[in-house]
């Protein structure tokens, strides 16, 4: 099955955004972790190691899908994250990582 990359500019999705457009990781309202991601690869790496409270906080609010859709312009990945079944803890982290890794691989193939 061919990856759905036809409606997305891979190099745009994979680009590094300016600091003011980076994803900022929080554990709750007003509880900034000091971590930020300026591109999808950094986002993936941060989700691997960030406190699980932060993973859950942002997922429940729809922050990941919003940043990916509005800032990185990848509606397909945003849709996949939105449709993920509700889970918690490390299971949630692993589902997010698996979804983002697969998309990163697809985009990197078409951008080269």
C-alpha atoms as a PDB file:
ATOM      1  CA  UNK A   1       0.000   0.000   0.000  1.00  0.00           C
ATOM      2  CA  UNK A   2       1.348   3.401  -0.973  1.00  0.00           C
ATOM      3  CA  UNK A   3       1.814   5.937   1.816  1.00  0.00           C
ATOM      4  CA  UNK A   4      -0.590   8.863   1.710  1.00  0.00           C
ATOM      5  CA  UNK A   5       1.888  11.633   1.066  1.00  0.00           C
ATOM      6  CA  UNK A   6       0.318  12.982  -2.125  1.00  0.00           C
ATOM      7  CA  UNK A   7      -1.501  15.837  -0.410  1.00  0.00           C
ATOM      8  CA  UNK A   8       1.383  16.987   1.748  1.00  0.00           C
ATOM      9  CA  UNK A   9       4.697  18.658   1.014  1.00  0.00           C
ATOM     10  CA  UNK A  10       7.126  16.357   2.870  1.00  0.00           C
ATOM     11  CA  UNK A  11       9.914  18.916   3.120  1.00  0.00           C
ATOM     12  CA  UNK A  12       7.474  21.448   4.613  1.00  0.00           C
ATOM     13  CA  UNK A  13       6.263  18.985   7.242  1.00  0.00           C
ATOM     14  CA  UNK A  14       9.843  17.948   8.086  1.00  0.00           C
ATOM     15  CA  UNK A  15      11.223  21.498   8.263  1.00  0.00           C
ATOM     16  CA  UNK A  16      12.409  23.148  11.476  1.00  0.00           C
ATOM     17  CA  UNK A  17      10.046  25.912  12.567  1.00  0.00           C
ATOM     18  CA  UNK A  18      11.081  29.139  14.345  1.00  0.00           C
ATOM     19  CA  UNK A  19      11.200  29.098  18.160  1.00  0.00           C
ATOM     20  CA  UNK A  20       7.866  30.933  18.441  1.00  0.00           C
ATOM     21  CA  UNK A  21       6.180  28.074  16.530  1.00  0.00           C
ATOM     22  CA  UNK A  22       7.867  25.227  18.416  1.00  0.00           C
ATOM     23  CA  UNK A  23       5.796  22.766  20.430  1.00  0.00           C
ATOM     24  CA  UNK A  24       6.223  23.550  24.128  1.00  0.00           C
ATOM     25  CA  UNK A  25       5.749  20.631  26.495  1.00  0.00           C
ATOM     26  CA  UNK A  26       3.774  21.238  29.692  1.00  0.00           C
ATOM     27  CA  UNK A  27       2.675  18.881  32.473  1.00  0.00           C
ATOM     28  CA  UNK A  28      -0.364  21.024  33.219  1.00  0.00           C
ATOM     29  CA  UNK A  29      -1.600  24.588  32.898  1.00  0.00           C
ATOM     30  CA  UNK A  30       1.347  26.875  33.713  1.00  0.00           C
ATOM     31  CA  UNK A  31       3.724  23.920  34.338  1.00  0.00           C
ATOM     32  CA  UNK A  32       6.273  24.229  31.501  1.00  0.00           C
ATOM     33  CA  UNK A  33       8.794  21.378  31.354  1.00  0.00           C
ATOM     34  CA  UNK A  34      11.519  23.423  29.673  1.00  0.00           C
ATOM     35  CA  UNK A  35      11.338  21.147  26.612  1.00  0.00           C
ATOM     36  CA  UNK A  36      10.384  22.195  23.090  1.00  0.00           C
ATOM     37  CA  UNK A  37      10.279  20.626  19.651  1.00  0.00           C
ATOM     38  CA  UNK A  38      10.979  22.640  16.493  1.00  0.00           C
ATOM     39  CA  UNK A  39      10.337  19.806  14.021  1.00  0.00           C
ATOM     40  CA  UNK A  40       8.668  16.413  13.805  1.00  0.00           C
ATOM     41  CA  UNK A  41      11.877  14.484  14.522  1.00  0.00           C
ATOM     42  CA  UNK A  42      12.509  16.502  17.711  1.00  0.00           C
ATOM     43  CA  UNK A  43       8.854  16.021  18.682  1.00  0.00           C
ATOM     44  CA  UNK A  44       9.295  12.259  18.316  1.00  0.00           C
ATOM     45  CA  UNK A  45      12.445  12.263  20.457  1.00  0.00           C
ATOM     46  CA  UNK A  46      10.827  14.414  23.153  1.00  0.00           C
ATOM     47  CA  UNK A  47       7.727  12.221  23.378  1.00  0.00           C
ATOM     48  CA  UNK A  48      10.056   9.254  24.035  1.00  0.00           C
ATOM     49  CA  UNK A  49      11.469  10.779  27.223  1.00  0.00           C
ATOM     50  CA  UNK A  50       9.096  13.475  28.466  1.00  0.00           C
ATOM     51  CA  UNK A  51       7.208  12.809  31.704  1.00  0.00           C
ATOM     52  CA  UNK A  52       4.072  10.767  31.067  1.00  0.00           C
ATOM     53  CA  UNK A  53       1.997  13.567  32.676  1.00  0.00           C
ATOM     54  CA  UNK A  54       2.984  15.793  29.775  1.00  0.00           C
ATOM     55  CA  UNK A  55       2.157  13.132  27.169  1.00  0.00           C
ATOM     56  CA  UNK A  56      -1.327  12.658  28.627  1.00  0.00           C
ATOM     57  CA  UNK A  57      -1.968  16.372  29.230  1.00  0.00           C
ATOM     58  CA  UNK A  58      -1.320  17.345  25.611  1.00  0.00           C
ATOM     59  CA  UNK A  59      -3.027  14.313  24.069  1.00  0.00           C
ATOM     60  CA  UNK A  60      -6.254  14.866  26.000  1.00  0.00           C
ATOM     61  CA  UNK A  61      -6.345  18.530  24.927  1.00  0.00           C
ATOM     62  CA  UNK A  62      -5.672  17.744  21.251  1.00  0.00           C
ATOM     63  CA  UNK A  63      -2.474  19.815  21.338  1.00  0.00           C
ATOM     64  CA  UNK A  64      -0.375  17.371  19.294  1.00  0.00           C
ATOM     65  CA  UNK A  65      -2.828  17.113  16.434  1.00  0.00           C
ATOM     66  CA  UNK A  66      -3.408  20.899  16.426  1.00  0.00           C
ATOM     67  CA  UNK A  67       0.339  21.718  16.234  1.00  0.00           C
ATOM     68  CA  UNK A  68       0.946  19.083  13.558  1.00  0.00           C
ATOM     69  CA  UNK A  69      -2.005  20.281  11.456  1.00  0.00           C
ATOM     70  CA  UNK A  70      -1.656  24.051  11.906  1.00  0.00           C
ATOM     71  CA  UNK A  71       2.118  24.497  12.210  1.00  0.00           C
ATOM     72  CA  UNK A  72       3.635  21.556  10.336  1.00  0.00           C
ATOM     73  CA  UNK A  73       0.734  21.355   7.837  1.00  0.00           C
ATOM     74  CA  UNK A  74       0.296  17.586   8.024  1.00  0.00           C
ATOM     75  CA  UNK A  75      -3.449  16.977   8.144  1.00  0.00           C
ATOM     76  CA  UNK A  76      -2.959  13.226   7.632  1.00  0.00           C
ATOM     77  CA  UNK A  77      -0.811  12.720  10.750  1.00  0.00           C
ATOM     78  CA  UNK A  78      -3.092  15.029  12.745  1.00  0.00           C
ATOM     79  CA  UNK A  79      -6.076  12.898  11.706  1.00  0.00           C
ATOM     80  CA  UNK A  80      -4.288   9.685  12.696  1.00  0.00           C
ATOM     81  CA  UNK A  81      -3.516  11.072  16.154  1.00  0.00           C
ATOM     82  CA  UNK A  82      -7.069  12.293  16.607  1.00  0.00           C
ATOM     83  CA  UNK A  83      -8.473   8.861  15.694  1.00  0.00           C
ATOM     84  CA  UNK A  84      -6.214   6.995  18.117  1.00  0.00           C
ATOM     85  CA  UNK A  85      -8.077   4.962  20.674  1.00  0.00           C
ATOM     86  CA  UNK A  86      -8.018   6.396  24.164  1.00  0.00           C
ATOM     87  CA  UNK A  87      -5.318   4.830  26.255  1.00  0.00           C
ATOM     88  CA  UNK A  88      -3.180   5.926  29.163  1.00  0.00           C
ATOM     89  CA  UNK A  89       0.362   5.892  30.427  1.00  0.00           C
ATOM     90  CA  UNK A  90       3.058   4.099  28.492  1.00  0.00           C
ATOM     91  CA  UNK A  91       0.501   2.512  26.164  1.00  0.00           C
ATOM     92  CA  UNK A  92      -0.513   6.012  25.029  1.00  0.00           C
ATOM     93  CA  UNK A  93       3.115   7.097  24.621  1.00  0.00           C
ATOM     94  CA  UNK A  94       3.879   3.982  22.553  1.00  0.00           C
ATOM     95  CA  UNK A  95       0.864   4.504  20.266  1.00  0.00           C
ATOM     96  CA  UNK A  96       1.879   8.121  19.630  1.00  0.00           C
ATOM     97  CA  UNK A  97       5.492   7.129  18.988  1.00  0.00           C
ATOM     98  CA  UNK A  98       4.496   4.335  16.613  1.00  0.00           C
ATOM     99  CA  UNK A  99       2.177   6.652  14.645  1.00  0.00           C
ATOM    100  CA  UNK A 100       4.704   9.499  14.416  1.00  0.00           C
ATOM    101  CA  UNK A 101       7.636   7.176  13.558  1.00  0.00           C
ATOM    102  CA  UNK A 102       5.682   5.589  10.707  1.00  0.00           C
ATOM    103  CA  UNK A 103       4.787   9.020   9.335  1.00  0.00           C
ATOM    104  CA  UNK A 104       8.361  10.283   9.689  1.00  0.00           C
ATOM    105  CA  UNK A 105       9.586   7.279   7.704  1.00  0.00           C
ATOM    106  CA  UNK A 106       6.980   7.865   4.959  1.00  0.00           C
ATOM    107  CA  UNK A 107       7.855  11.566   4.659  1.00  0.00           C
ATOM    108  CA  UNK A 108      11.600  11.003   4.685  1.00  0.00           C
ATOM    109  CA  UNK A 109      11.298   8.530   1.794  1.00  0.00           C
ATOM    110  CA  UNK A 110       9.467  11.006  -0.453  1.00  0.00           C
ATOM    111  CA  UNK A 111      11.590  14.006   0.515  1.00  0.00           C
ATOM    112  CA  UNK A 112      14.867  12.454  -0.720  1.00  0.00           C
END
